C-alpha cells in the first residue's frame, strides 16, 4: 500500500475486506494495524483504533507459535502498532525499548530499511518520553552515517530529533553533515521535504521548530510554525510528536493571549485543550498531567486564579506519580511564573528552583540555564517549609 496516495484509505479498506473473506495470513496483522492507525488519524476514533490493534495482535500471537514468527510482516505490524497506535495509550519511554528491540529483529531477517526506521523511532520516543537526555545523547548518533546510506528518511528524522536534543541540552554537534553537502540546516531540510512533497517530514520539522521556539520563549515564532504546520496536508500516519505539537501549541496560544490579546488565540487554545481533555479520558496515564497543566494555563488566561493554582498542583502531583520528570519541571516553571504574576515572590522562587532541579535531572541543561538567566539565585538554600501542599494553600489566601 502506498500511504501517500489519495486512494490509500480505499485500498486499505479493500485489503481489510479481502483478509476477512479469505483467511488471515501474517500480512493481515499489518493490514489490521494500518486500519487501526487510519481510524485514529481520519476519524479520531481511538476505541476503534485500539480494537483493530487488538485484532492485529491476535493474528501476531497466532503466528508466533509457527515458523512465520518474526517474519517481516509481523515485524512491520508490530512497528506500526508501537509507532502509530500505542503512542496514544502508553508512555513513549515504554514504547522506545520495544521499537529498539524490533529494529534488531528486522536486522536479523535482513530488512535493513525497517531496522533503521525503528531505530530512529525508538530514539525519538526516548527523547520525547522523558528519558534522561544524557542517555539519549549517547545513543542518538550511533549508525546515522549508515542510516543515511540505507534509509535517508530515517536519517533525516534522526537529524531533526538531534537538533531538538541539542536545543534542550545546549550541546553543539554537526548534525547535518551525514545528509550531504546540499543540506546544512533545518531550512535546507525543509526545502528538500517540500520539493519531494514529503508531508510527514515537513510536519515533523514544523512541530519540532515550534517546540524549540517555545523553549526559547519566542512565542511569536512558535505561533508562526503552528500556522505553517496547519497548511501541510495530513500524512498517512502521525509520529510521536503529534500530541506534543498540540500540547505546546496550546501553551503558546494561551501565553500569547495573555501577552498580546486576541480572542482567536484564546479560542484556538480552547480547542486544543478540549482535544487534550479527550485524550486524557482515553489514556490518563499518558495525557492527564498535560491536560491539567493546559487547564491551569487556560484558567489563568480567563482570570480564574484560585482554580488555576489547584490545576497546577494537580499537574505536578500527577507528573510525580507517573514519573514524568520533564513534565514535572515544566509544571513547576509555569506555577512559578503564576506566583510571580500574583505577587508571591517566595513561592515563585521556590517553584523555579524546583523546575531547575528537575530540568537538570532530566538533562535539559540549556532549559535549566535559561531559568538562571532570569536572575534567580538557584544555588541558594531552599525554604524547606514550602511544599506542594503549602503552595496550594497559599494560592487560596
Protein backbone atom coordinates (compact mmCIF):
# COMPACT_ATOMS: atom_id res chain seq x y z
CA UNK A 1 0.00 0.00 0.00
CA UNK A 2 1.29 3.45 -0.96
CA UNK A 3 0.35 5.51 2.08
CA UNK A 4 0.86 8.83 0.30
CA UNK A 5 -1.76 8.06 -2.35
CA UNK A 6 -5.23 9.66 -2.08
CA UNK A 7 -6.56 6.17 -2.79
CA UNK A 8 -4.82 4.81 0.29
CA UNK A 9 -7.93 4.64 2.54
CA UNK A 10 -9.93 2.85 -0.18
CA UNK A 11 -7.14 0.37 -0.90
CA UNK A 12 -6.71 -0.29 2.79
CA UNK A 13 -10.44 -0.94 3.32
CA UNK A 14 -10.40 -3.37 0.41
CA UNK A 15 -7.39 -5.13 1.89
CA UNK A 16 -9.18 -5.50 5.24
CA UNK A 17 -12.26 -6.89 3.47
CA UNK A 18 -10.17 -9.34 1.48
CA UNK A 19 -8.36 -10.57 4.60
CA UNK A 20 -11.63 -11.16 6.44
CA UNK A 21 -13.14 -13.01 3.48
CA UNK A 22 -10.17 -15.21 2.51
CA UNK A 23 -8.35 -16.02 5.73
CA UNK A 24 -5.78 -14.36 7.90
CA UNK A 25 -2.16 -14.79 6.74
CA UNK A 26 0.64 -12.98 8.62
CA UNK A 27 0.18 -9.97 6.32
CA UNK A 28 -3.27 -9.46 7.88
CA UNK A 29 -1.60 -8.29 11.08
CA UNK A 30 -0.03 -5.45 9.12
CA UNK A 31 -3.30 -4.61 7.34
CA UNK A 32 -5.30 -4.50 10.58
CA UNK A 33 -2.65 -2.36 12.27
CA UNK A 34 -2.73 0.11 9.38
CA UNK A 35 -6.52 0.20 9.51
CA UNK A 36 -6.43 0.94 13.23
CA UNK A 37 -3.99 3.75 12.51
CA UNK A 38 -6.39 5.10 9.87
CA UNK A 39 -9.35 5.06 12.29
CA UNK A 40 -7.38 7.23 14.70
CA UNK A 41 -5.96 9.58 12.08
CA UNK A 42 -9.05 10.18 9.94
CA UNK A 43 -11.89 9.73 12.44
CA UNK A 44 -10.23 10.32 15.82
CA UNK A 45 -11.86 7.04 16.84
CA UNK A 46 -9.36 5.85 19.43
CA UNK A 47 -11.51 2.99 20.69
CA UNK A 48 -11.84 1.57 17.18
CA UNK A 49 -8.13 2.10 16.59
CA UNK A 50 -7.31 0.14 19.72
CA UNK A 51 -9.79 -2.58 18.78
CA UNK A 52 -8.16 -3.10 15.38
CA UNK A 53 -4.78 -3.08 17.10
CA UNK A 54 -6.06 -5.93 19.27
CA UNK A 55 -7.14 -7.81 16.13
CA UNK A 56 -3.66 -7.30 14.71
CA UNK A 57 -2.04 -8.62 17.87
CA UNK A 58 -4.33 -11.66 17.83
CA UNK A 59 -3.01 -12.53 14.36
CA UNK A 60 0.56 -11.93 15.54
CA UNK A 61 0.07 -14.16 18.58
CA UNK A 62 -1.31 -16.92 16.36
CA UNK A 63 1.74 -16.93 14.09
CA UNK A 64 4.32 -16.50 16.83
CA UNK A 65 3.92 -20.20 17.56
CA UNK A 66 4.70 -21.16 13.98
CA UNK A 67 7.58 -20.90 11.56
CA UNK A 68 6.31 -17.49 10.47
CA UNK A 69 7.16 -15.88 13.82
CA UNK A 70 9.18 -12.70 13.42
CA UNK A 71 8.64 -12.60 9.68
CA UNK A 72 8.90 -9.22 8.03
CA UNK A 73 5.09 -8.87 8.02
CA UNK A 74 4.95 -9.50 11.77
CA UNK A 75 7.82 -7.10 12.48
CA UNK A 76 6.26 -4.34 10.39
CA UNK A 77 2.88 -4.88 12.04
CA UNK A 78 4.42 -4.60 15.50
CA UNK A 79 6.23 -1.45 14.44
CA UNK A 80 3.03 0.17 13.16
CA UNK A 81 1.27 -0.72 16.40
CA UNK A 82 4.05 0.81 18.51
CA UNK A 83 4.72 3.91 16.39
CA UNK A 84 1.20 4.97 15.43
CA UNK A 85 -1.34 3.39 17.80
CA UNK A 86 0.37 2.63 21.11
CA UNK A 87 1.61 6.24 21.32
CA UNK A 88 -1.97 7.18 22.29
CA UNK A 89 -2.22 4.58 25.04
CA UNK A 90 1.24 4.03 26.52
CA UNK A 91 4.10 6.31 27.68
CA UNK A 92 6.67 6.95 24.97
CA UNK A 93 9.52 5.82 27.21
CA UNK A 94 7.81 2.40 27.45
CA UNK A 95 7.43 2.22 23.67
CA UNK A 96 11.07 3.15 22.96
CA UNK A 97 12.68 -0.16 24.07
CA UNK A 98 10.06 -2.12 22.12
CA UNK A 99 10.98 -0.28 18.94
CA UNK A 100 14.69 -0.77 19.56
CA UNK A 101 14.07 -4.49 20.07
CA UNK A 102 12.03 -4.62 16.85
CA UNK A 103 14.85 -2.93 14.97
CA UNK A 104 17.14 -5.81 15.98
CA UNK A 105 14.53 -8.34 14.83
CA UNK A 106 14.32 -6.55 11.47
CA UNK A 107 18.09 -6.74 11.12
CA UNK A 108 18.01 -10.50 11.75
CA UNK A 109 15.64 -11.07 8.82
CA UNK A 110 17.60 -8.75 6.55
CA UNK A 111 15.08 -5.88 6.49
CA UNK A 112 17.64 -3.10 6.72
CA UNK A 113 15.24 -0.27 5.84
CA UNK A 114 12.89 -1.30 8.64
CA UNK A 115 15.83 -1.74 11.01
CA UNK A 116 16.83 1.91 10.63
CA UNK A 117 13.25 3.23 10.73
CA UNK A 118 12.56 1.57 14.08
CA UNK A 119 15.93 2.61 15.44
CA UNK A 120 15.14 6.22 14.59
CA UNK A 121 11.61 5.95 16.01
CA UNK A 122 12.97 4.40 19.19
CA UNK A 123 15.37 7.32 19.70
CA UNK A 124 12.52 9.77 19.19
CA UNK A 125 10.31 8.03 21.76
CA UNK A 126 13.18 8.11 24.26
CA UNK A 127 13.79 11.80 23.60
CA UNK A 128 10.18 12.94 23.91
CA UNK A 129 9.18 10.42 26.56
CA UNK A 130 11.29 11.95 29.33
CA UNK A 131 14.27 9.59 29.21
CA UNK A 132 17.43 11.05 30.70
CA UNK A 133 18.85 13.15 27.90
CA UNK A 134 22.44 12.14 28.57
CA UNK A 135 21.43 8.55 27.79
CA UNK A 136 19.58 9.67 24.66
CA UNK A 137 22.58 11.76 23.62
CA UNK A 138 24.94 8.81 23.98
CA UNK A 139 22.93 6.62 21.62
CA UNK A 140 21.41 9.17 19.27
CA UNK A 141 24.10 9.36 16.59
CA UNK A 142 25.21 5.76 16.52
CA UNK A 143 24.99 4.37 12.98
CA UNK A 144 23.48 7.56 11.50
CA UNK A 145 26.07 7.58 8.69
CA UNK A 146 24.98 4.07 7.70
CA UNK A 147 21.37 5.06 8.20
CA UNK A 148 21.77 7.92 5.71
CA UNK A 149 23.10 5.44 3.14
CA UNK A 150 20.38 2.80 3.56
CA UNK A 151 17.33 4.82 4.62
CA UNK A 152 17.63 8.58 4.02
CA UNK A 153 14.20 9.31 5.51
CA UNK A 154 15.08 7.61 8.80
CA UNK A 155 18.35 9.55 8.85
CA UNK A 156 16.55 12.86 8.28
CA UNK A 157 14.12 12.05 11.12
CA UNK A 158 17.09 11.24 13.37
CA UNK A 159 18.83 14.50 12.44
CA UNK A 160 15.70 16.57 13.17
CA UNK A 161 15.40 14.99 16.59
CA UNK A 162 19.10 15.54 17.23
CA UNK A 163 18.52 19.25 16.65
CA UNK A 164 15.79 19.13 19.31
CA UNK A 165 18.14 17.28 21.64
CA UNK A 166 20.79 19.97 21.25
CA UNK A 167 18.16 22.64 21.92
CA UNK A 168 17.40 21.04 25.27
CA UNK A 169 20.93 20.14 26.32
CA UNK A 170 22.83 23.09 24.86
CA UNK A 171 25.39 20.78 23.28
CA UNK A 172 26.82 21.62 19.86
CA UNK A 173 27.13 18.98 17.17
CA UNK A 174 27.23 18.91 13.39
CA UNK A 175 24.01 17.02 12.75
CA UNK A 176 23.65 17.71 9.05
CA UNK A 177 26.92 16.51 7.53
CA UNK A 178 25.56 12.95 7.28
CA UNK A 179 22.91 14.20 4.84
CA UNK A 180 25.36 15.52 2.26
CA UNK A 181 26.62 18.92 1.16
CA UNK A 182 23.24 20.23 -0.01
CA UNK A 183 21.67 20.13 3.49
CA UNK A 184 23.31 22.09 6.28
CA UNK A 185 20.31 23.40 8.27
CA UNK A 186 16.67 22.74 9.08
CA UNK A 187 15.73 25.31 6.42
CA UNK A 188 17.59 23.25 3.80
CA UNK A 189 15.91 20.10 5.06
CA UNK A 190 12.50 21.78 4.91
CA UNK A 191 13.15 22.89 1.32
CA UNK A 192 14.18 19.33 0.45
CA UNK A 193 10.99 17.95 2.00
CA UNK A 194 8.86 20.48 0.10
CA UNK A 195 10.46 19.57 -3.22
CA UNK A 196 9.68 15.89 -2.68
CA UNK A 197 6.21 16.51 -1.13
CA UNK A 198 7.33 14.66 1.99
CA UNK A 199 4.50 15.83 4.23
CA UNK A 200 5.49 13.61 7.13
CA UNK A 201 8.93 15.21 7.25
CA UNK A 202 7.52 18.72 6.73
CA UNK A 203 5.15 18.32 9.67
CA UNK A 204 7.92 16.91 11.84
CA UNK A 205 10.18 19.88 11.07
CA UNK A 206 7.50 22.43 11.95
CA UNK A 207 6.43 20.54 15.07
CA UNK A 208 9.98 20.41 16.34
CA UNK A 209 10.65 24.03 15.40
CA UNK A 210 7.56 25.06 17.38
CA UNK A 211 8.86 23.22 20.44
CA UNK A 212 12.33 24.74 20.03
CA UNK A 213 10.88 28.25 19.87
CA UNK A 214 8.68 27.57 22.89
CA UNK A 215 11.66 26.52 25.00
CA UNK A 216 13.44 29.71 23.93
CA UNK A 217 10.43 31.82 24.93
CA UNK A 218 9.94 33.04 21.35
CA UNK A 219 6.18 32.54 21.28
CA UNK A 220 5.56 34.65 18.16
CA UNK A 221 7.92 32.45 16.13
CA UNK A 222 6.33 29.34 17.66
CA UNK A 223 2.90 30.57 16.58
CA UNK A 224 4.20 31.06 13.05
CA UNK A 225 5.37 27.45 12.91
CA UNK A 226 1.90 26.37 14.04
CA UNK A 227 0.36 28.35 11.17
CA UNK A 228 2.76 26.80 8.67
CA UNK A 229 2.11 23.32 10.01
CA UNK A 230 -1.66 23.73 9.71
CA UNK A 231 -1.28 24.25 5.93
CA UNK A 232 0.54 20.94 5.39
CA UNK A 233 -1.67 18.01 4.34
CA UNK A 234 -2.02 15.23 6.88
CA UNK A 235 0.37 12.34 6.17
CA UNK A 236 -0.82 8.75 6.39
CA UNK A 237 0.39 8.39 9.97
CA UNK A 238 1.17 10.68 12.88
CA UNK A 239 4.51 10.49 14.65
CA UNK A 240 5.16 10.59 18.37
CA UNK A 241 5.45 14.39 18.19
CA UNK A 242 1.84 14.92 17.04
CA UNK A 243 0.34 15.08 20.54
CA UNK A 244 3.26 17.17 21.76
CA UNK A 245 2.56 19.61 18.95
CA UNK A 246 -0.96 20.10 20.28
CA UNK A 247 0.35 20.44 23.84
CA UNK A 248 2.99 23.08 23.10
CA UNK A 249 0.79 24.93 20.61
CA UNK A 250 -1.86 25.26 23.31
CA UNK A 251 0.71 26.67 25.74
CA UNK A 252 1.82 29.15 23.08
CA UNK A 253 -1.70 30.40 22.34
CA UNK A 254 -2.64 30.91 25.97
CA UNK A 255 0.64 32.72 26.65
CA UNK A 256 0.24 34.99 23.63
CA UNK A 257 -3.38 35.70 24.56
CA UNK A 258 -2.22 36.92 27.97
CA UNK A 259 0.65 38.91 26.46
CA UNK A 260 -0.91 40.36 23.32
CA UNK A 261 -4.61 39.56 23.41
CA UNK A 262 -6.64 38.20 20.53
CA UNK A 263 -9.82 36.20 21.05
CA UNK A 264 -8.80 33.93 18.18
CA UNK A 265 -5.81 32.80 20.20
CA UNK A 266 -7.95 32.02 23.23
CA UNK A 267 -10.38 30.08 21.05
CA UNK A 268 -7.58 28.14 19.32
CA UNK A 269 -6.12 27.25 22.70
CA UNK A 270 -9.55 26.21 23.98
CA UNK A 271 -9.98 23.81 21.05
CA UNK A 272 -6.64 22.18 21.81
CA UNK A 273 -7.49 21.99 25.49
CA UNK A 274 -10.66 20.06 24.64
CA UNK A 275 -8.67 17.72 22.44
CA UNK A 276 -6.17 17.07 25.26
CA UNK A 277 -9.05 16.52 27.69
CA UNK A 278 -10.44 13.85 25.40
CA UNK A 279 -7.05 12.18 25.14
CA UNK A 280 -6.80 12.30 28.91
CA UNK A 281 -10.03 10.33 29.17
CA UNK A 282 -8.77 7.84 26.60
CA UNK A 283 -5.40 7.40 28.33
CA UNK A 284 -4.98 9.16 31.70
CA UNK A 285 -1.56 7.63 32.25
CA UNK A 286 -0.23 9.40 29.14
CA UNK A 287 -2.17 12.66 28.97
CA UNK A 288 -3.63 13.58 32.35
CA UNK A 289 -0.72 15.68 33.61
CA UNK A 290 -0.55 17.52 30.27
CA UNK A 291 -4.28 18.23 30.32
CA UNK A 292 -4.17 19.52 33.90
CA UNK A 293 -1.29 21.84 33.05
CA UNK A 294 -3.06 23.20 29.97
CA UNK A 295 -6.22 23.63 32.01
CA UNK A 296 -4.25 25.68 34.54
CA UNK A 297 -2.92 27.91 31.77
CA UNK A 298 -6.44 28.36 30.41
CA UNK A 299 -7.84 29.26 33.85
CA UNK A 300 -5.08 31.85 34.31
CA UNK A 301 -5.98 33.28 30.91
CA UNK A 302 -9.62 33.80 31.94
CA UNK A 303 -8.65 35.14 35.39
CA UNK A 304 -9.78 32.09 37.39
CA UNK A 305 -6.69 32.33 39.58
CA UNK A 306 -7.61 30.09 42.51
CA UNK A 307 -8.81 27.26 40.26
CA UNK A 308 -5.68 27.68 38.12
CA UNK A 309 -3.40 27.18 41.12
CA UNK A 310 -5.21 23.98 42.02
CA UNK A 311 -4.81 22.69 38.46
CA UNK A 312 -1.07 23.46 38.51
CA UNK A 313 -0.73 21.49 41.74
CA UNK A 314 -2.70 18.58 40.27
CA UNK A 315 -0.42 18.57 37.23
CA UNK A 316 2.66 18.50 39.48
CA UNK A 317 1.28 15.66 41.57
CA UNK A 318 0.22 13.66 38.52
CA UNK A 319 3.60 14.15 36.84
CA UNK A 320 5.35 12.99 40.00
CA UNK A 321 3.08 9.93 40.31
CA UNK A 322 3.75 9.00 36.66
CA UNK A 323 7.50 9.59 36.95
CA UNK A 324 7.42 12.25 34.20
CA UNK A 325 10.38 14.34 35.30
CA UNK A 326 10.33 16.51 32.16
CA UNK A 327 6.68 17.45 32.72
CA UNK A 328 7.36 17.97 36.41
CA UNK A 329 9.97 20.60 35.55
CA UNK A 330 7.62 22.42 33.18
CA UNK A 331 4.72 22.34 35.65
CA UNK A 332 6.87 23.84 38.37
CA UNK A 333 8.16 26.51 36.00
CA UNK A 334 4.67 27.60 34.96
CA UNK A 335 3.45 27.55 38.55
CA UNK A 336 6.42 29.71 39.47
CA UNK A 337 5.52 32.20 36.76
CA UNK A 338 1.94 32.18 38.05
CA UNK A 339 3.15 33.08 41.54
CA UNK A 340 5.37 35.79 40.08
CA UNK A 341 2.40 37.38 38.31
CA UNK A 342 0.36 37.20 41.54
CA UNK A 343 2.97 38.81 43.77
CA UNK A 344 4.18 35.76 45.71
CA UNK A 345 7.93 36.05 45.17
CA UNK A 346 8.93 33.43 47.78
CA UNK A 347 6.73 30.76 46.22
CA UNK A 348 7.81 31.85 42.75
CA UNK A 349 11.48 31.39 43.58
CA UNK A 350 10.85 28.04 45.25
CA UNK A 351 8.92 26.70 42.24
CA UNK A 352 11.50 27.91 39.75
CA UNK A 353 14.26 26.31 41.79
CA UNK A 354 12.29 23.07 41.71
CA UNK A 355 11.91 23.45 37.95
CA UNK A 356 15.66 23.99 37.64
CA UNK A 357 16.31 20.84 39.68
CA UNK A 358 14.03 18.65 37.59
CA UNK A 359 15.21 20.08 34.27
CA UNK A 360 18.79 19.34 35.37
CA UNK A 361 17.89 15.80 36.38
CA UNK A 362 16.21 15.32 33.03
CA UNK A 363 19.42 16.51 31.34
CA UNK A 364 17.88 19.64 29.78
CA UNK A 365 20.83 21.81 30.78
CA UNK A 366 20.03 24.65 28.38
CA UNK A 367 16.47 24.87 29.66
CA UNK A 368 17.69 24.93 33.26
CA UNK A 369 20.25 27.64 32.46
CA UNK A 370 17.51 29.77 30.95
CA UNK A 371 15.93 29.92 34.42
CA UNK A 372 19.26 31.04 35.86
CA UNK A 373 19.24 33.74 33.21
CA UNK A 374 16.11 35.15 34.84
CA UNK A 375 18.33 36.37 37.67
CA UNK A 376 17.40 33.70 40.21
CA UNK A 377 19.83 32.64 42.91
CA UNK A 378 19.39 28.97 42.12
CA UNK A 379 22.25 27.89 44.33
CA UNK A 380 20.87 29.47 47.50
CA UNK A 381 19.21 27.26 50.07
CA UNK A 382 15.58 26.30 49.57
CA UNK A 383 12.91 27.16 52.11
CA UNK A 384 12.13 23.67 53.37
CA UNK A 385 8.70 24.79 54.59
CA UNK A 386 7.47 25.31 51.05
CA UNK A 387 5.91 22.10 49.76
CA UNK A 388 3.30 21.38 47.14
CA UNK A 389 0.58 21.28 49.78
CA UNK A 390 1.62 24.67 51.14
CA UNK A 391 1.71 26.09 47.62
CA UNK A 392 -1.89 25.02 47.20
CA UNK A 393 -2.89 26.65 50.47
CA UNK A 394 -1.07 29.84 49.54
CA UNK A 395 -2.99 30.07 46.28
CA UNK A 396 -6.27 30.47 48.17
CA UNK A 397 -5.10 33.16 50.56
